[in-house]
N, C-alpha and C. Protein backbone atom coordinates (compact mmCIF):
# COMPACT_ATOMS: atom_id res chain seq x y z
N MET A 1 -16.04 -49.17 -14.86
CA MET A 1 -16.41 -47.38 -15.02
C MET A 1 -17.22 -47.61 -14.96
N SER A 2 -18.55 -46.86 -14.11
CA SER A 2 -18.82 -46.54 -14.07
C SER A 2 -20.03 -44.68 -15.06
N ASP A 3 -20.56 -44.85 -15.36
CA ASP A 3 -21.09 -43.67 -16.15
C ASP A 3 -20.99 -42.33 -15.62
N TYR A 4 -20.48 -41.87 -14.60
CA TYR A 4 -20.19 -41.03 -14.03
C TYR A 4 -18.94 -40.46 -13.90
N ASP A 5 -17.84 -41.45 -14.01
CA ASP A 5 -16.31 -41.47 -14.47
C ASP A 5 -15.41 -40.64 -15.35
N ASP A 6 -16.83 -39.65 -15.75
CA ASP A 6 -16.49 -39.06 -17.71
C ASP A 6 -16.84 -37.14 -17.09
N ASP A 7 -17.02 -37.25 -15.88
CA ASP A 7 -18.19 -35.80 -15.46
C ASP A 7 -16.64 -35.13 -15.21
N LEU A 8 -15.69 -34.56 -14.89
CA LEU A 8 -14.71 -33.60 -14.77
C LEU A 8 -14.25 -32.70 -16.43
N PRO A 9 -14.46 -31.72 -16.37
CA PRO A 9 -14.62 -30.81 -17.64
C PRO A 9 -13.34 -31.90 -18.16
N ASP A 10 -13.00 -31.98 -19.70
CA ASP A 10 -12.43 -32.15 -20.91
C ASP A 10 -11.02 -31.27 -21.47
N THR A 11 -10.00 -31.40 -21.09
CA THR A 11 -9.33 -29.51 -21.17
C THR A 11 -9.57 -30.02 -22.98
N GLU A 12 -9.01 -31.61 -23.49
CA GLU A 12 -8.85 -31.54 -24.74
C GLU A 12 -10.37 -31.12 -26.05
N GLN A 13 -11.35 -31.19 -24.93
CA GLN A 13 -12.65 -30.94 -25.62
C GLN A 13 -13.71 -29.67 -25.69
N THR A 14 -12.51 -28.87 -25.55
CA THR A 14 -14.01 -27.63 -24.92
C THR A 14 -14.62 -27.40 -26.11
N ALA A 15 -14.15 -27.49 -27.40
CA ALA A 15 -14.73 -27.25 -27.87
C ALA A 15 -16.32 -27.48 -28.77
N ASP A 16 -16.62 -28.81 -28.50
CA ASP A 16 -17.44 -29.71 -28.77
C ASP A 16 -18.52 -29.85 -27.73
N PRO A 17 -19.49 -29.41 -28.29
CA PRO A 17 -21.07 -29.32 -27.18
C PRO A 17 -21.42 -31.36 -27.36
N ILE A 18 -20.80 -31.31 -27.06
CA ILE A 18 -21.10 -32.16 -26.95
C ILE A 18 -21.13 -33.41 -25.78
N PRO A 19 -21.97 -33.91 -24.66
CA PRO A 19 -21.35 -34.66 -23.33
C PRO A 19 -21.04 -35.67 -23.70
N PRO A 20 -20.22 -36.62 -23.03
CA PRO A 20 -19.49 -38.10 -23.10
C PRO A 20 -20.10 -38.95 -22.50
N ASN A 21 -21.48 -38.19 -21.96
CA ASN A 21 -21.96 -40.18 -21.59
C ASN A 21 -23.54 -38.97 -21.26
N GLU A 22 -24.62 -39.55 -20.57
CA GLU A 22 -25.44 -39.27 -20.75
C GLU A 22 -25.92 -38.62 -19.10
N SER A 23 -24.94 -39.02 -18.50
CA SER A 23 -25.35 -38.47 -17.45
C SER A 23 -25.69 -36.39 -16.99
N THR A 24 -26.44 -36.56 -15.74
CA THR A 24 -26.18 -35.12 -15.41
C THR A 24 -25.24 -34.01 -15.11
N GLY A 25 -24.10 -35.03 -13.95
CA GLY A 25 -23.23 -34.60 -14.53
C GLY A 25 -22.24 -34.04 -15.78
N ALA A 26 -22.05 -35.10 -16.83
CA ALA A 26 -22.00 -34.35 -17.78
C ALA A 26 -21.90 -33.68 -18.45
N TRP A 27 -23.57 -33.04 -18.51
CA TRP A 27 -24.46 -32.34 -19.40
C TRP A 27 -23.80 -30.99 -18.65
N GLN A 28 -23.73 -30.55 -17.22
CA GLN A 28 -23.10 -30.11 -16.45
C GLN A 28 -22.32 -30.07 -16.71
N ALA A 29 -20.58 -30.57 -17.20
CA ALA A 29 -19.85 -30.22 -17.65
C ALA A 29 -18.98 -29.64 -19.04
N MET A 30 -20.06 -29.61 -19.41
CA MET A 30 -20.67 -29.49 -20.76
C MET A 30 -20.73 -27.89 -20.99
N VAL A 31 -21.31 -27.86 -20.13
CA VAL A 31 -21.86 -25.86 -20.16
C VAL A 31 -20.98 -25.32 -19.61
N THR A 32 -20.12 -25.66 -18.55
CA THR A 32 -19.32 -25.29 -17.58
C THR A 32 -18.32 -25.22 -18.40
N GLU A 33 -18.03 -25.88 -19.26
CA GLU A 33 -16.49 -25.41 -20.09
C GLU A 33 -16.74 -24.69 -20.92
N HIS A 34 -18.02 -24.53 -21.40
CA HIS A 34 -18.21 -23.71 -22.67
C HIS A 34 -18.65 -21.77 -21.75
N VAL A 35 -18.97 -22.33 -20.44
CA VAL A 35 -18.89 -20.31 -19.78
C VAL A 35 -17.26 -20.55 -19.71
N LEU A 36 -16.24 -21.56 -19.38
CA LEU A 36 -15.26 -20.72 -18.91
C LEU A 36 -14.79 -20.48 -20.20
N ASP A 37 -14.78 -20.99 -21.19
CA ASP A 37 -14.10 -21.30 -22.82
C ASP A 37 -14.51 -19.35 -23.48
N TYR A 38 -16.11 -18.85 -23.37
CA TYR A 38 -16.40 -17.37 -22.90
C TYR A 38 -15.51 -16.89 -22.32
N GLU A 39 -15.67 -16.86 -21.04
CA GLU A 39 -15.44 -15.73 -19.90
C GLU A 39 -13.28 -15.94 -20.66
N ARG A 40 -12.74 -16.29 -20.90
CA ARG A 40 -11.30 -17.52 -21.47
C ARG A 40 -11.83 -16.25 -22.45
N ALA A 41 -12.34 -15.84 -23.06
CA ALA A 41 -12.35 -15.18 -24.96
C ALA A 41 -13.08 -14.63 -24.30
N ALA A 42 -13.46 -13.53 -23.72
CA ALA A 42 -14.19 -12.35 -22.89
C ALA A 42 -12.45 -11.87 -22.29
N ARG A 43 -11.91 -12.05 -22.17
CA ARG A 43 -11.34 -11.43 -20.68
C ARG A 43 -10.19 -10.93 -22.11
N THR A 44 -9.29 -12.60 -23.35
CA THR A 44 -8.24 -11.99 -23.52
C THR A 44 -8.48 -10.63 -24.85
N GLY A 45 -10.06 -11.19 -24.97
CA GLY A 45 -10.06 -9.54 -25.95
C GLY A 45 -10.51 -8.57 -25.25
N LEU A 46 -10.33 -8.52 -24.38
CA LEU A 46 -11.32 -7.24 -23.26
C LEU A 46 -9.44 -6.82 -22.83
N MET A 47 -8.66 -7.97 -22.24
CA MET A 47 -7.61 -7.38 -22.63
C MET A 47 -5.79 -7.42 -23.74
N LEU A 48 -6.32 -7.59 -24.79
CA LEU A 48 -5.75 -6.69 -25.89
C LEU A 48 -6.89 -5.15 -26.07
N MET A 49 -8.12 -4.86 -25.68
CA MET A 49 -8.11 -3.38 -25.04
C MET A 49 -7.79 -2.79 -25.38
N VAL A 50 -7.16 -3.76 -23.38
CA VAL A 50 -6.12 -2.99 -22.43
C VAL A 50 -5.44 -2.21 -23.16
N SER A 51 -4.69 -3.19 -24.00
CA SER A 51 -3.56 -2.52 -24.09
C SER A 51 -3.39 -2.20 -25.03
N ALA A 52 -4.04 -2.28 -26.43
CA ALA A 52 -4.62 -1.11 -27.48
C ALA A 52 -4.57 0.37 -26.65
N LEU A 53 -5.22 1.01 -25.39
CA LEU A 53 -5.34 1.90 -24.96
C LEU A 53 -4.42 2.31 -24.57
N HIS A 54 -3.44 1.46 -24.02
CA HIS A 54 -2.50 2.45 -23.03
C HIS A 54 -1.51 2.29 -23.89
N PHE A 55 -0.98 1.50 -24.89
CA PHE A 55 -0.47 2.61 -26.45
C PHE A 55 -0.47 3.33 -26.66
N ARG A 56 -2.07 3.31 -26.68
CA ARG A 56 -2.54 5.42 -26.91
C ARG A 56 -2.23 6.19 -26.43
N ASP A 57 -2.19 5.68 -25.03
CA ASP A 57 -2.28 6.94 -24.01
C ASP A 57 -3.79 6.98 -23.70
N ARG A 58 -5.50 5.95 -24.41
CA ARG A 58 -5.89 6.52 -23.74
C ARG A 58 -6.55 5.94 -22.30
N LEU A 59 -5.94 5.05 -21.36
CA LEU A 59 -6.33 3.94 -20.56
C LEU A 59 -6.93 5.39 -19.04
N ARG A 60 -7.81 5.21 -18.58
CA ARG A 60 -8.31 5.87 -17.69
C ARG A 60 -8.00 6.09 -15.87
N CYS A 61 -6.99 4.71 -16.75
CA CYS A 61 -6.28 4.22 -15.28
C CYS A 61 -4.77 4.01 -15.38
N SER A 62 -3.90 3.07 -14.13
CA SER A 62 -2.73 2.27 -14.76
C SER A 62 -2.70 1.54 -15.20
N LEU A 63 -2.03 0.59 -15.84
CA LEU A 63 -2.17 -0.12 -17.06
C LEU A 63 -2.30 -1.23 -15.76
N SER A 64 -1.47 -1.50 -14.63
CA SER A 64 -1.87 -2.60 -13.63
C SER A 64 -2.59 -2.62 -12.41
N ASP A 65 -3.76 -1.77 -12.57
CA ASP A 65 -5.11 -1.68 -12.28
C ASP A 65 -6.49 -1.77 -13.13
N ALA A 66 -6.10 -1.87 -14.18
CA ALA A 66 -6.32 -2.36 -15.25
C ALA A 66 -6.81 -4.13 -15.74
N ILE A 67 -5.94 -4.36 -15.54
CA ILE A 67 -5.15 -5.61 -15.56
C ILE A 67 -5.47 -6.45 -14.51
N GLU A 68 -6.00 -5.83 -12.96
CA GLU A 68 -5.96 -6.06 -12.51
C GLU A 68 -6.97 -5.80 -11.78
N GLN A 69 -8.55 -5.67 -12.41
CA GLN A 69 -9.59 -5.78 -13.00
C GLN A 69 -9.89 -6.07 -13.78
N VAL A 70 -9.77 -6.42 -14.95
CA VAL A 70 -9.99 -7.89 -15.68
C VAL A 70 -9.79 -9.06 -15.50
N ALA A 71 -9.23 -9.25 -14.30
CA ALA A 71 -9.13 -10.14 -13.15
C ALA A 71 -9.53 -10.78 -12.90
N THR A 72 -10.32 -10.06 -12.18
CA THR A 72 -11.33 -10.43 -11.23
C THR A 72 -12.85 -9.59 -11.61
N MET A 73 -12.44 -9.40 -13.08
CA MET A 73 -14.48 -9.37 -13.70
C MET A 73 -15.41 -10.70 -13.45
N THR A 74 -17.04 -10.40 -13.92
CA THR A 74 -17.93 -11.20 -13.96
C THR A 74 -17.83 -11.22 -15.58
N PRO A 75 -19.24 -11.56 -15.40
CA PRO A 75 -18.99 -12.03 -17.21
C PRO A 75 -19.77 -10.79 -17.91
N ALA A 76 -21.03 -10.52 -16.85
CA ALA A 76 -21.46 -8.92 -16.92
C ALA A 76 -20.92 -8.32 -17.44
N ASP A 77 -19.93 -8.25 -16.55
CA ASP A 77 -19.07 -6.43 -15.77
C ASP A 77 -18.34 -6.89 -17.35
N LEU A 78 -17.68 -8.73 -18.07
CA LEU A 78 -16.51 -8.46 -19.13
C LEU A 78 -17.69 -7.19 -20.49
N VAL A 79 -18.66 -7.73 -20.75
CA VAL A 79 -19.59 -7.38 -21.33
C VAL A 79 -19.69 -5.43 -21.64
N ILE A 80 -19.78 -5.27 -20.23
CA ILE A 80 -19.91 -3.45 -19.99
C ILE A 80 -18.48 -3.09 -21.01
N ALA A 81 -17.55 -3.68 -20.78
CA ALA A 81 -16.93 -3.22 -20.38
C ALA A 81 -15.71 -3.73 -21.62
N THR A 82 -16.19 -3.98 -22.34
CA THR A 82 -15.63 -4.72 -24.15
C THR A 82 -17.04 -3.15 -24.40
N HIS A 83 -17.43 -3.01 -24.60
CA HIS A 83 -18.04 -2.01 -25.50
C HIS A 83 -17.78 -0.90 -24.76
N ASP A 84 -17.79 -0.80 -23.13
CA ASP A 84 -17.08 0.99 -23.26
C ASP A 84 -16.01 0.52 -23.21
N MET A 85 -14.99 -0.13 -24.57
CA MET A 85 -13.70 -0.08 -24.41
C MET A 85 -13.63 -0.12 -26.61
N ILE A 86 -14.64 -0.39 -26.97
CA ILE A 86 -15.14 -0.43 -28.11
C ILE A 86 -15.34 0.82 -28.96
N ASP A 87 -15.74 1.57 -27.89
CA ASP A 87 -16.73 2.88 -27.57
C ASP A 87 -15.01 3.66 -27.58
N THR A 88 -15.00 4.13 -26.53
CA THR A 88 -13.28 4.80 -26.56
C THR A 88 -12.30 4.64 -28.51
N LEU A 89 -11.76 3.01 -28.02
CA LEU A 89 -11.09 2.89 -29.14
C LEU A 89 -11.07 3.39 -30.91
N LEU A 90 -12.96 3.58 -30.72
CA LEU A 90 -13.63 3.72 -32.49
C LEU A 90 -13.08 5.35 -32.01
N ASP A 91 -13.77 6.04 -31.28
CA ASP A 91 -13.48 7.83 -30.80
C ASP A 91 -12.38 8.22 -32.18
N GLU A 92 -11.46 7.37 -31.62
CA GLU A 92 -10.25 8.12 -31.95
C GLU A 92 -9.93 7.77 -33.44
N THR A 93 -10.41 6.45 -33.49
CA THR A 93 -10.22 6.72 -35.16
C THR A 93 -11.38 7.74 -35.51
N ARG A 94 -12.89 8.23 -35.51
CA ARG A 94 -13.60 8.80 -35.49
C ARG A 94 -13.38 10.31 -35.95
N SER A 95 -12.20 10.92 -34.81
CA SER A 95 -11.73 11.83 -34.57
C SER A 95 -11.07 12.28 -35.94
N LYS A 96 -10.01 11.50 -36.77
CA LYS A 96 -9.04 11.67 -37.27
C LYS A 96 -10.17 11.57 -39.14
N ARG A 97 -10.79 10.59 -38.83
CA ARG A 97 -12.02 11.12 -39.90
C ARG A 97 -11.65 12.12 -41.21
N GLY A 98 -11.43 12.46 -42.03
CA GLY A 98 -11.76 13.51 -43.29
C GLY A 98 -10.30 14.49 -43.14
N ARG A 99 -9.12 13.73 -42.23
CA ARG A 99 -8.15 14.60 -42.79
C ARG A 99 -7.08 14.09 -43.34
N ARG A 100 -6.82 14.73 -44.35
CA ARG A 100 -6.34 14.03 -45.68
C ARG A 100 -5.15 14.96 -45.26
């Protein structure tokens, strides 16, 4: 077994920021795993916000369009959309403050 046999991402250890060996491929695989973990987490969070907006009738497009868009967003777009949706969700709670 060579030093390069372990260069593929290991799905069992995606949270460990430790490459399995000192090869360039192992370091690149470790970074790739962390980027993919971020994207998965960001997409999951955004999907939860899409769901929340949908059930509050605050989604500005159809649910299927929103899901399709989230599935194809870049990491930068995920951040921008998440910020926008947080503002939209918080706006709803702000409008109810002071009413008792």
